[in-house]
Amino acid sequence: MNENERHKRLIEEHYAAFWGGNEDLLRQQLSPDFIDHGSPGAPKGIEAVLAGARSLRASFPDMMVTVKASVAEGDRVAVYAGWRGTHKGLFQGISATNKVISFDGMVFWRIANGKIAERWAILDMAAAMRQLQS
């Protein structure tokens, strides 16, 4: 397997660890100084990711990510994916609705020394919020 394929596999495994609650694996996958550009104002580092993951899993415990397409070149991976899950807990000030929502997005990742170092995300949160509020 070449480096590009290893990077794509790392990102797919990261989605599974993030939504599956495998914090040990998340710690192995992430660079200690990980930066999430997709969440403005989020603190750097692994512990911030773990806290965010816990919160999101409490809101959407069955969330699944389907990678629809991915491209890797050098230290970058671009992913087009779909998210689908049931709203079971507080999210963005909205109490659980038990609605199943789905939305798409694009996420760009940078890999350094075999670990995920940075993330940029453009998710269709407007679609997600419309589904929760309808």
N, C-alpha and C. Protein backbone atom coordinates (compact mmCIF):
# COMPACT_ATOMS: atom_id res chain seq x y z
N MET A 1 0.85 -1.17 0.00
CA MET A 1 0.00 0.00 0.00
C MET A 1 0.91 1.24 0.00
N ASN A 2 0.62 2.19 -0.89
CA ASN A 2 1.43 3.39 -0.95
C ASN A 2 1.01 4.42 0.11
N GLU A 3 1.78 5.47 0.24
CA GLU A 3 1.52 6.48 1.27
C GLU A 3 0.15 7.11 1.13
N ASN A 4 -0.27 7.44 -0.09
CA ASN A 4 -1.59 8.05 -0.28
C ASN A 4 -2.70 7.13 0.21
N GLU A 5 -2.60 5.84 -0.09
CA GLU A 5 -3.61 4.89 0.36
C GLU A 5 -3.58 4.75 1.89
N ARG A 6 -2.39 4.77 2.49
CA ARG A 6 -2.28 4.72 3.97
C ARG A 6 -2.94 5.94 4.60
N HIS A 7 -2.75 7.10 3.99
CA HIS A 7 -3.36 8.32 4.53
C HIS A 7 -4.89 8.26 4.44
N LYS A 8 -5.40 7.78 3.31
CA LYS A 8 -6.85 7.65 3.17
C LYS A 8 -7.41 6.66 4.19
N ARG A 9 -6.70 5.55 4.39
CA ARG A 9 -7.15 4.56 5.37
C ARG A 9 -7.14 5.15 6.77
N LEU A 10 -6.11 5.93 7.11
CA LEU A 10 -6.04 6.58 8.42
C LEU A 10 -7.27 7.44 8.67
N ILE A 11 -7.68 8.20 7.68
CA ILE A 11 -8.84 9.07 7.85
C ILE A 11 -10.12 8.25 8.02
N GLU A 12 -10.29 7.21 7.24
CA GLU A 12 -11.48 6.36 7.39
C GLU A 12 -11.49 5.71 8.78
N GLU A 13 -10.33 5.25 9.24
CA GLU A 13 -10.26 4.66 10.58
C GLU A 13 -10.51 5.73 11.66
N HIS A 14 -10.13 6.95 11.37
CA HIS A 14 -10.37 8.05 12.31
C HIS A 14 -11.87 8.29 12.48
N TYR A 15 -12.62 8.31 11.39
CA TYR A 15 -14.08 8.48 11.49
C TYR A 15 -14.68 7.37 12.36
N ALA A 16 -14.25 6.15 12.14
CA ALA A 16 -14.78 5.01 12.92
C ALA A 16 -14.42 5.15 14.39
N ALA A 17 -13.20 5.55 14.69
CA ALA A 17 -12.78 5.72 16.09
C ALA A 17 -13.51 6.88 16.75
N PHE A 18 -13.66 7.98 16.03
CA PHE A 18 -14.33 9.17 16.56
C PHE A 18 -15.77 8.85 16.95
N TRP A 19 -16.53 8.29 16.01
CA TRP A 19 -17.95 8.03 16.28
C TRP A 19 -18.15 6.75 17.08
N GLY A 20 -17.17 5.86 17.09
CA GLY A 20 -17.27 4.63 17.87
C GLY A 20 -16.79 4.77 19.30
N GLY A 21 -16.22 5.93 19.63
CA GLY A 21 -15.78 6.17 21.00
C GLY A 21 -14.47 5.50 21.38
N ASN A 22 -13.65 5.18 20.41
CA ASN A 22 -12.37 4.52 20.70
C ASN A 22 -11.31 5.60 20.97
N GLU A 23 -11.29 6.09 22.21
CA GLU A 23 -10.40 7.19 22.56
C GLU A 23 -8.93 6.79 22.53
N ASP A 24 -8.61 5.55 22.83
CA ASP A 24 -7.22 5.11 22.74
C ASP A 24 -6.71 5.21 21.31
N LEU A 25 -7.54 4.77 20.36
CA LEU A 25 -7.15 4.85 18.97
C LEU A 25 -7.08 6.31 18.51
N LEU A 26 -8.00 7.14 18.95
CA LEU A 26 -7.94 8.56 18.60
C LEU A 26 -6.63 9.18 19.08
N ARG A 27 -6.21 8.84 20.28
CA ARG A 27 -4.94 9.36 20.80
C ARG A 27 -3.76 8.93 19.93
N GLN A 28 -3.83 7.72 19.38
CA GLN A 28 -2.76 7.23 18.51
C GLN A 28 -2.79 7.92 17.14
N GLN A 29 -3.98 8.26 16.67
CA GLN A 29 -4.14 8.81 15.33
C GLN A 29 -3.78 10.29 15.24
N LEU A 30 -3.99 11.03 16.32
CA LEU A 30 -3.87 12.48 16.28
C LEU A 30 -2.50 12.97 16.74
N SER A 31 -2.03 14.00 16.08
CA SER A 31 -0.82 14.68 16.52
C SER A 31 -1.11 15.39 17.84
N PRO A 32 -0.15 15.43 18.76
CA PRO A 32 -0.40 16.10 20.06
C PRO A 32 -0.83 17.56 19.92
N ASP A 33 -0.39 18.23 18.84
CA ASP A 33 -0.76 19.63 18.65
C ASP A 33 -1.78 19.79 17.53
N PHE A 34 -2.66 18.80 17.38
CA PHE A 34 -3.71 18.81 16.36
C PHE A 34 -4.47 20.14 16.37
N ILE A 35 -4.74 20.66 15.18
CA ILE A 35 -5.51 21.90 15.03
C ILE A 35 -6.75 21.61 14.20
N ASP A 36 -7.92 21.98 14.72
CA ASP A 36 -9.19 21.82 14.00
C ASP A 36 -9.62 23.18 13.49
N HIS A 37 -9.31 23.47 12.24
CA HIS A 37 -9.70 24.73 11.61
C HIS A 37 -11.20 24.73 11.31
N GLY A 38 -11.82 23.55 11.33
CA GLY A 38 -13.25 23.43 11.04
C GLY A 38 -14.13 23.82 12.21
N SER A 39 -13.53 24.01 13.37
CA SER A 39 -14.26 24.44 14.57
C SER A 39 -13.57 25.68 15.13
N PRO A 40 -13.89 26.85 14.56
CA PRO A 40 -13.20 28.07 14.99
C PRO A 40 -13.25 28.25 16.50
N GLY A 41 -12.12 28.60 17.06
CA GLY A 41 -12.03 28.83 18.50
C GLY A 41 -11.79 27.58 19.32
N ALA A 42 -11.81 26.42 18.67
CA ALA A 42 -11.58 25.17 19.40
C ALA A 42 -10.13 25.13 19.88
N PRO A 43 -9.92 24.67 21.09
CA PRO A 43 -8.53 24.54 21.57
C PRO A 43 -7.78 23.50 20.76
N LYS A 44 -6.46 23.64 20.70
CA LYS A 44 -5.61 22.68 20.01
C LYS A 44 -5.46 21.42 20.87
N GLY A 45 -5.12 20.34 20.20
CA GLY A 45 -4.72 19.15 20.92
C GLY A 45 -5.76 18.05 20.95
N ILE A 46 -5.29 16.92 21.40
CA ILE A 46 -6.09 15.69 21.42
C ILE A 46 -7.25 15.77 22.40
N GLU A 47 -7.01 16.33 23.58
CA GLU A 47 -8.08 16.36 24.59
C GLU A 47 -9.29 17.16 24.11
N ALA A 48 -9.05 18.21 23.33
CA ALA A 48 -10.17 18.99 22.78
C ALA A 48 -10.99 18.14 21.81
N VAL A 49 -10.31 17.32 21.02
CA VAL A 49 -11.02 16.43 20.09
C VAL A 49 -11.83 15.40 20.87
N LEU A 50 -11.24 14.83 21.90
CA LEU A 50 -11.95 13.83 22.69
C LEU A 50 -13.19 14.42 23.35
N ALA A 51 -13.08 15.63 23.88
CA ALA A 51 -14.24 16.29 24.51
C ALA A 51 -15.32 16.57 23.47
N GLY A 52 -14.92 17.05 22.31
CA GLY A 52 -15.89 17.31 21.25
C GLY A 52 -16.56 16.04 20.78
N ALA A 53 -15.79 14.96 20.67
CA ALA A 53 -16.35 13.68 20.24
C ALA A 53 -17.38 13.17 21.25
N ARG A 54 -17.05 13.29 22.53
CA ARG A 54 -18.00 12.84 23.57
C ARG A 54 -19.31 13.61 23.47
N SER A 55 -19.20 14.91 23.29
CA SER A 55 -20.39 15.75 23.19
C SER A 55 -21.23 15.39 21.96
N LEU A 56 -20.58 15.23 20.83
CA LEU A 56 -21.31 14.89 19.61
C LEU A 56 -21.94 13.50 19.69
N ARG A 57 -21.22 12.55 20.29
CA ARG A 57 -21.80 11.20 20.43
C ARG A 57 -22.99 11.21 21.39
N ALA A 58 -22.98 12.09 22.38
CA ALA A 58 -24.14 12.20 23.28
C ALA A 58 -25.34 12.75 22.51
N SER A 59 -25.10 13.62 21.55
CA SER A 59 -26.18 14.20 20.75
C SER A 59 -26.66 13.24 19.66
N PHE A 60 -25.71 12.51 19.07
CA PHE A 60 -26.02 11.60 17.95
C PHE A 60 -25.29 10.28 18.16
N PRO A 61 -25.78 9.44 19.07
CA PRO A 61 -25.04 8.22 19.44
C PRO A 61 -24.89 7.20 18.32
N ASP A 62 -25.74 7.26 17.31
CA ASP A 62 -25.66 6.29 16.22
C ASP A 62 -25.12 6.90 14.93
N MET A 63 -24.48 8.05 15.02
CA MET A 63 -24.00 8.74 13.82
C MET A 63 -23.07 7.84 13.02
N MET A 64 -23.28 7.81 11.73
CA MET A 64 -22.45 7.05 10.80
C MET A 64 -21.93 8.01 9.74
N VAL A 65 -20.69 7.81 9.36
CA VAL A 65 -20.08 8.59 8.28
C VAL A 65 -19.81 7.65 7.12
N THR A 66 -20.27 8.05 5.96
CA THR A 66 -20.01 7.30 4.74
C THR A 66 -19.10 8.13 3.85
N VAL A 67 -17.90 7.64 3.63
CA VAL A 67 -16.98 8.33 2.72
C VAL A 67 -17.45 8.02 1.30
N LYS A 68 -17.85 9.08 0.59
CA LYS A 68 -18.35 8.92 -0.77
C LYS A 68 -17.23 9.03 -1.80
N ALA A 69 -16.21 9.81 -1.47
CA ALA A 69 -15.04 9.94 -2.33
C ALA A 69 -13.90 10.50 -1.49
N SER A 70 -12.69 10.07 -1.82
CA SER A 70 -11.52 10.64 -1.15
C SER A 70 -10.35 10.66 -2.12
N VAL A 71 -9.53 11.67 -1.95
CA VAL A 71 -8.34 11.85 -2.78
C VAL A 71 -7.20 12.18 -1.84
N ALA A 72 -6.07 11.54 -2.04
CA ALA A 72 -4.89 11.82 -1.22
C ALA A 72 -3.73 12.15 -2.14
N GLU A 73 -2.98 13.15 -1.72
CA GLU A 73 -1.76 13.51 -2.44
C GLU A 73 -0.79 14.11 -1.44
N GLY A 74 0.36 13.49 -1.31
CA GLY A 74 1.35 13.98 -0.35
C GLY A 74 0.81 13.89 1.06
N ASP A 75 0.83 15.01 1.77
CA ASP A 75 0.39 15.02 3.16
C ASP A 75 -1.07 15.42 3.32
N ARG A 76 -1.83 15.52 2.22
CA ARG A 76 -3.22 15.98 2.28
C ARG A 76 -4.19 14.88 1.85
N VAL A 77 -5.35 14.88 2.51
CA VAL A 77 -6.45 13.99 2.14
C VAL A 77 -7.72 14.83 2.06
N ALA A 78 -8.42 14.73 0.96
CA ALA A 78 -9.70 15.42 0.78
C ALA A 78 -10.80 14.36 0.77
N VAL A 79 -11.85 14.60 1.56
CA VAL A 79 -12.93 13.63 1.71
C VAL A 79 -14.27 14.31 1.45
N TYR A 80 -15.08 13.67 0.63
CA TYR A 80 -16.49 14.05 0.48
C TYR A 80 -17.26 12.93 1.17
N ALA A 81 -18.06 13.30 2.18
CA ALA A 81 -18.73 12.27 2.98
C ALA A 81 -20.15 12.68 3.32
N GLY A 82 -20.91 11.70 3.79
CA GLY A 82 -22.26 11.92 4.29
C GLY A 82 -22.35 11.46 5.74
N TRP A 83 -23.09 12.21 6.54
CA TRP A 83 -23.32 11.88 7.95
C TRP A 83 -24.80 11.58 8.11
N ARG A 84 -25.11 10.59 8.94
CA ARG A 84 -26.51 10.23 9.21
C ARG A 84 -26.59 9.72 10.64
N GLY A 85 -27.51 10.31 11.42
CA GLY A 85 -27.67 9.88 12.79
C GLY A 85 -28.94 10.39 13.41
N THR A 86 -29.28 9.82 14.56
CA THR A 86 -30.50 10.17 15.29
C THR A 86 -30.17 11.14 16.40
N HIS A 87 -30.93 12.23 16.45
CA HIS A 87 -30.72 13.30 17.44
C HIS A 87 -31.30 12.86 18.79
N LYS A 88 -30.42 12.41 19.68
CA LYS A 88 -30.84 11.86 20.98
C LYS A 88 -30.44 12.73 22.17
N GLY A 89 -29.74 13.85 21.92
CA GLY A 89 -29.30 14.70 23.03
C GLY A 89 -29.14 16.13 22.57
N LEU A 90 -28.93 17.02 23.53
CA LEU A 90 -28.80 18.45 23.25
C LEU A 90 -27.73 18.71 22.18
N PHE A 91 -28.10 19.50 21.17
CA PHE A 91 -27.18 19.88 20.10
C PHE A 91 -27.51 21.29 19.65
N GLN A 92 -26.53 22.17 19.73
CA GLN A 92 -26.71 23.56 19.30
C GLN A 92 -27.94 24.18 19.95
N GLY A 93 -28.17 23.88 21.20
CA GLY A 93 -29.29 24.44 21.95
C GLY A 93 -30.63 23.77 21.69
N ILE A 94 -30.64 22.72 20.89
CA ILE A 94 -31.89 22.01 20.57
C ILE A 94 -31.91 20.70 21.33
N SER A 95 -32.93 20.52 22.15
CA SER A 95 -33.10 19.27 22.90
C SER A 95 -33.39 18.13 21.93
N ALA A 96 -33.20 16.92 22.40
CA ALA A 96 -33.38 15.74 21.57
C ALA A 96 -34.73 15.75 20.87
N THR A 97 -34.71 15.47 19.58
CA THR A 97 -35.94 15.41 18.78
C THR A 97 -36.23 13.98 18.32
N ASN A 98 -35.26 13.09 18.46
CA ASN A 98 -35.34 11.72 17.96
C ASN A 98 -35.50 11.65 16.44
N LYS A 99 -35.18 12.75 15.76
CA LYS A 99 -35.22 12.77 14.31
C LYS A 99 -33.91 12.23 13.75
N VAL A 100 -34.03 11.51 12.66
CA VAL A 100 -32.86 11.06 11.92
C VAL A 100 -32.53 12.17 10.93
N ILE A 101 -31.29 12.64 11.00
CA ILE A 101 -30.86 13.69 10.07
C ILE A 101 -29.72 13.16 9.22
N SER A 102 -29.55 13.79 8.07
CA SER A 102 -28.43 13.47 7.21
C SER A 102 -27.96 14.74 6.52
N PHE A 103 -26.66 14.80 6.30
CA PHE A 103 -26.08 15.94 5.61
C PHE A 103 -24.75 15.51 5.03
N ASP A 104 -24.26 16.31 4.10
CA ASP A 104 -22.99 16.02 3.44
C ASP A 104 -21.97 17.09 3.78
N GLY A 105 -20.74 16.82 3.45
CA GLY A 105 -19.70 17.81 3.65
C GLY A 105 -18.39 17.37 3.05
N MET A 106 -17.48 18.33 3.04
CA MET A 106 -16.12 18.06 2.57
C MET A 106 -15.17 18.38 3.70
N VAL A 107 -14.23 17.49 3.91
CA VAL A 107 -13.25 17.67 4.98
C VAL A 107 -11.86 17.45 4.38
N PHE A 108 -10.97 18.33 4.74
CA PHE A 108 -9.59 18.27 4.27
C PHE A 108 -8.69 18.04 5.48
N TRP A 109 -7.76 17.14 5.33
CA TRP A 109 -6.89 16.71 6.43
C TRP A 109 -5.43 16.86 6.02
N ARG A 110 -4.57 17.16 6.99
CA ARG A 110 -3.13 17.13 6.77
C ARG A 110 -2.53 16.08 7.70
N ILE A 111 -1.69 15.24 7.12
CA ILE A 111 -1.03 14.17 7.86
C ILE A 111 0.44 14.55 8.02
N ALA A 112 0.99 14.39 9.22
CA ALA A 112 2.40 14.64 9.48
C ALA A 112 2.95 13.50 10.34
N ASN A 113 4.01 12.89 9.89
CA ASN A 113 4.64 11.80 10.63
C ASN A 113 3.66 10.67 10.98
N GLY A 114 2.76 10.39 10.04
CA GLY A 114 1.81 9.30 10.23
C GLY A 114 0.64 9.61 11.14
N LYS A 115 0.50 10.87 11.56
CA LYS A 115 -0.60 11.27 12.44
C LYS A 115 -1.39 12.42 11.82
N ILE A 116 -2.64 12.53 12.23
CA ILE A 116 -3.50 13.61 11.73
C ILE A 116 -3.11 14.89 12.45
N ALA A 117 -2.68 15.89 11.69
CA ALA A 117 -2.18 17.13 12.28
C ALA A 117 -3.17 18.29 12.17
N GLU A 118 -3.96 18.33 11.09
CA GLU A 118 -4.89 19.44 10.90
C GLU A 118 -6.14 18.97 10.17
N ARG A 119 -7.23 19.73 10.39
CA ARG A 119 -8.53 19.43 9.77
C ARG A 119 -9.19 20.75 9.38
N TRP A 120 -9.74 20.77 8.16
CA TRP A 120 -10.58 21.87 7.69
C TRP A 120 -11.88 21.23 7.24
N ALA A 121 -13.02 21.81 7.58
CA ALA A 121 -14.30 21.18 7.23
C ALA A 121 -15.29 22.20 6.71
N ILE A 122 -16.03 21.76 5.70
CA ILE A 122 -17.16 22.50 5.19
C ILE A 122 -18.33 21.52 5.19
N LEU A 123 -19.15 21.60 6.24
CA LEU A 123 -20.28 20.68 6.39
C LEU A 123 -21.57 21.44 6.16
N ASP A 124 -22.56 20.78 5.60
CA ASP A 124 -23.85 21.43 5.34
C ASP A 124 -24.69 21.43 6.61
N MET A 125 -24.24 22.23 7.58
CA MET A 125 -24.95 22.30 8.86
C MET A 125 -26.29 23.00 8.72
N ALA A 126 -26.47 23.83 7.69
CA ALA A 126 -27.78 24.45 7.46
C ALA A 126 -28.82 23.37 7.19
N ALA A 127 -28.46 22.36 6.40
CA ALA A 127 -29.38 21.26 6.13
C ALA A 127 -29.66 20.48 7.40
N ALA A 128 -28.63 20.23 8.20
CA ALA A 128 -28.82 19.50 9.46
C ALA A 128 -29.77 20.26 10.38
N MET A 129 -29.55 21.55 10.52
CA MET A 129 -30.39 22.36 11.42
C MET A 129 -31.84 22.44 10.91
N ARG A 130 -32.03 22.56 9.60
CA ARG A 130 -33.40 22.57 9.05
C ARG A 130 -34.12 21.28 9.43
N GLN A 131 -33.44 20.15 9.35
CA GLN A 131 -34.06 18.86 9.67
C GLN A 131 -34.43 18.79 11.15
N LEU A 132 -33.58 19.35 12.00
CA LEU A 132 -33.85 19.32 13.44
C LEU A 132 -34.99 20.25 13.82
N GLN A 133 -35.13 21.33 13.10
CA GLN A 133 -36.12 22.36 13.45
C GLN A 133 -37.44 22.20 12.74
N SER A 134 -37.54 21.25 11.82
CA SER A 134 -38.80 21.09 11.07
C SER A 134 -39.77 20.18 11.80
